[in-house]
Amino acid sequence: MYAVIKTGGKQYRVTSGDVLKIEKIAGEEGKEVVFNEVLALDNVIGTPLVANASVKALVLKQAKDKKIIVFKKKRRQNYRRKNGHRQNITLVKITDVIGK
């Protein structure tokens, strides 16, 4: 059984046992979180959400993602800017997909 969930402005296709790297959500390591925004469940497509469906997950780790380099340049103007960015992420393990 699989589900399509929405979190952090993105959509993920998940099944029980999957490990996801998502944008940071509230929750301590070892605690359980519930995703209620289920867009699809197996062959059932929601309008816009599937009624009485949810996905339970376990928070494995709150961390930062790898560094992204942001480099801006305008040619022949001696304009160069270099910045780095590390996004906060949450690693979650899907424990249960709950349907009807």
Protein backbone atom coordinates (compact mmCIF):
# COMPACT_ATOMS: atom_id res chain seq x y z
CA MET A 1 0.00 0.00 0.00
CA TYR A 2 1.39 3.38 -0.96
CA ALA A 3 0.33 6.97 -0.41
CA VAL A 4 1.19 10.36 -1.87
CA ILE A 5 1.65 12.92 0.90
CA LYS A 6 2.25 16.66 0.84
CA THR A 7 4.72 18.32 3.21
CA GLY A 8 6.99 21.32 2.91
CA GLY A 9 5.44 22.35 -0.41
CA LYS A 10 6.49 19.07 -2.04
CA GLN A 11 4.80 15.74 -2.72
CA TYR A 12 6.26 12.33 -1.86
CA ARG A 13 5.19 8.81 -2.80
CA VAL A 14 5.72 6.70 0.31
CA THR A 15 5.28 3.14 1.47
CA SER A 16 5.81 1.59 4.87
CA GLY A 17 9.53 1.41 5.72
CA ASP A 18 10.69 4.27 3.48
CA VAL A 19 13.23 6.80 4.80
CA LEU A 20 12.66 10.38 3.57
CA LYS A 21 14.68 13.58 3.70
CA ILE A 22 12.11 16.38 3.99
CA GLU A 23 12.14 20.04 4.94
CA LYS A 24 12.30 20.63 8.67
CA ILE A 25 9.17 19.83 10.64
CA ALA A 26 8.49 20.14 14.36
CA GLY A 27 9.32 17.03 16.35
CA GLU A 28 12.10 15.60 18.45
CA GLU A 29 14.24 12.64 17.46
CA GLY A 30 12.49 9.38 18.31
CA LYS A 31 9.01 10.94 18.36
CA GLU A 32 6.17 10.04 16.02
CA VAL A 33 4.62 12.51 13.56
CA VAL A 34 1.43 12.16 11.51
CA PHE A 35 0.94 13.47 7.98
CA ASN A 36 -2.75 14.16 7.37
CA GLU A 37 -2.44 15.70 3.90
CA VAL A 38 -2.77 12.51 1.85
CA LEU A 39 -3.35 13.29 -1.83
CA ALA A 40 -3.63 9.70 -3.09
CA LEU A 41 -3.91 6.25 -1.55
CA ASP A 42 -3.22 3.30 -3.88
CA ASN A 43 -5.81 3.80 -6.65
CA VAL A 44 -7.92 6.37 -4.76
CA ILE A 45 -7.26 9.97 -5.79
CA GLY A 46 -8.36 12.68 -3.35
CA THR A 47 -10.39 15.77 -4.19
CA PRO A 48 -8.09 17.38 -3.02
CA LEU A 49 -7.40 15.07 -0.03
CA VAL A 50 -8.33 11.47 0.70
CA ALA A 51 -10.83 11.33 3.59
CA ASN A 52 -9.82 9.45 6.75
CA ALA A 53 -6.29 8.74 5.49
CA SER A 54 -3.02 9.51 7.24
CA VAL A 55 0.62 8.45 7.31
CA LYS A 56 2.58 7.86 10.51
CA ALA A 57 6.33 8.42 10.60
CA LEU A 58 9.17 8.31 13.11
CA VAL A 59 11.61 11.23 13.30
CA LEU A 60 15.10 9.78 12.92
CA LYS A 61 17.20 12.94 12.86
CA GLN A 62 17.03 16.74 12.73
CA ALA A 63 20.02 17.89 10.67
CA LYS A 64 21.34 20.21 8.00
CA ASP A 65 21.63 19.23 4.34
CA LYS A 66 24.84 19.51 2.34
CA LYS A 67 26.06 22.99 1.45
CA ILE A 68 24.77 24.67 -1.70
CA ILE A 69 27.00 27.33 -3.26
CA VAL A 70 25.22 30.44 -4.57
CA PHE A 71 27.46 32.32 -7.00
CA LYS A 72 26.45 35.53 -8.78
CA LYS A 73 28.52 37.18 -11.49
CA LYS A 74 28.08 39.97 -14.02
CA ARG A 75 30.66 39.82 -16.74
CA ARG A 76 32.98 42.73 -17.37
CA GLN A 77 31.66 44.55 -14.28
CA ASN A 78 34.01 43.07 -11.64
CA TYR A 79 30.89 41.90 -9.75
CA ARG A 80 31.18 38.55 -7.98
CA ARG A 81 29.29 37.32 -4.91
CA LYS A 82 29.69 33.91 -3.33
CA ASN A 83 27.39 32.63 -0.60
CA GLY A 84 26.72 29.23 0.90
CA HIS A 85 23.48 27.82 2.26
CA ARG A 86 22.64 24.73 4.32
CA GLN A 87 18.96 23.86 4.51
CA ASN A 88 17.50 22.43 7.72
CA ILE A 89 16.09 18.95 7.08
CA THR A 90 14.34 16.17 8.95
CA LEU A 91 14.96 12.48 8.30
CA VAL A 92 11.79 10.45 8.83
CA LYS A 93 11.00 6.75 8.53
CA ILE A 94 7.47 5.87 7.41
CA THR A 95 6.00 3.39 9.86
CA ASP A 96 2.37 3.06 8.81
CA VAL A 97 0.03 4.07 5.96
CA ILE A 98 -3.51 4.27 7.28
CA GLY A 99 -6.41 4.14 4.83
CA LYS A 100 -10.20 3.90 5.09
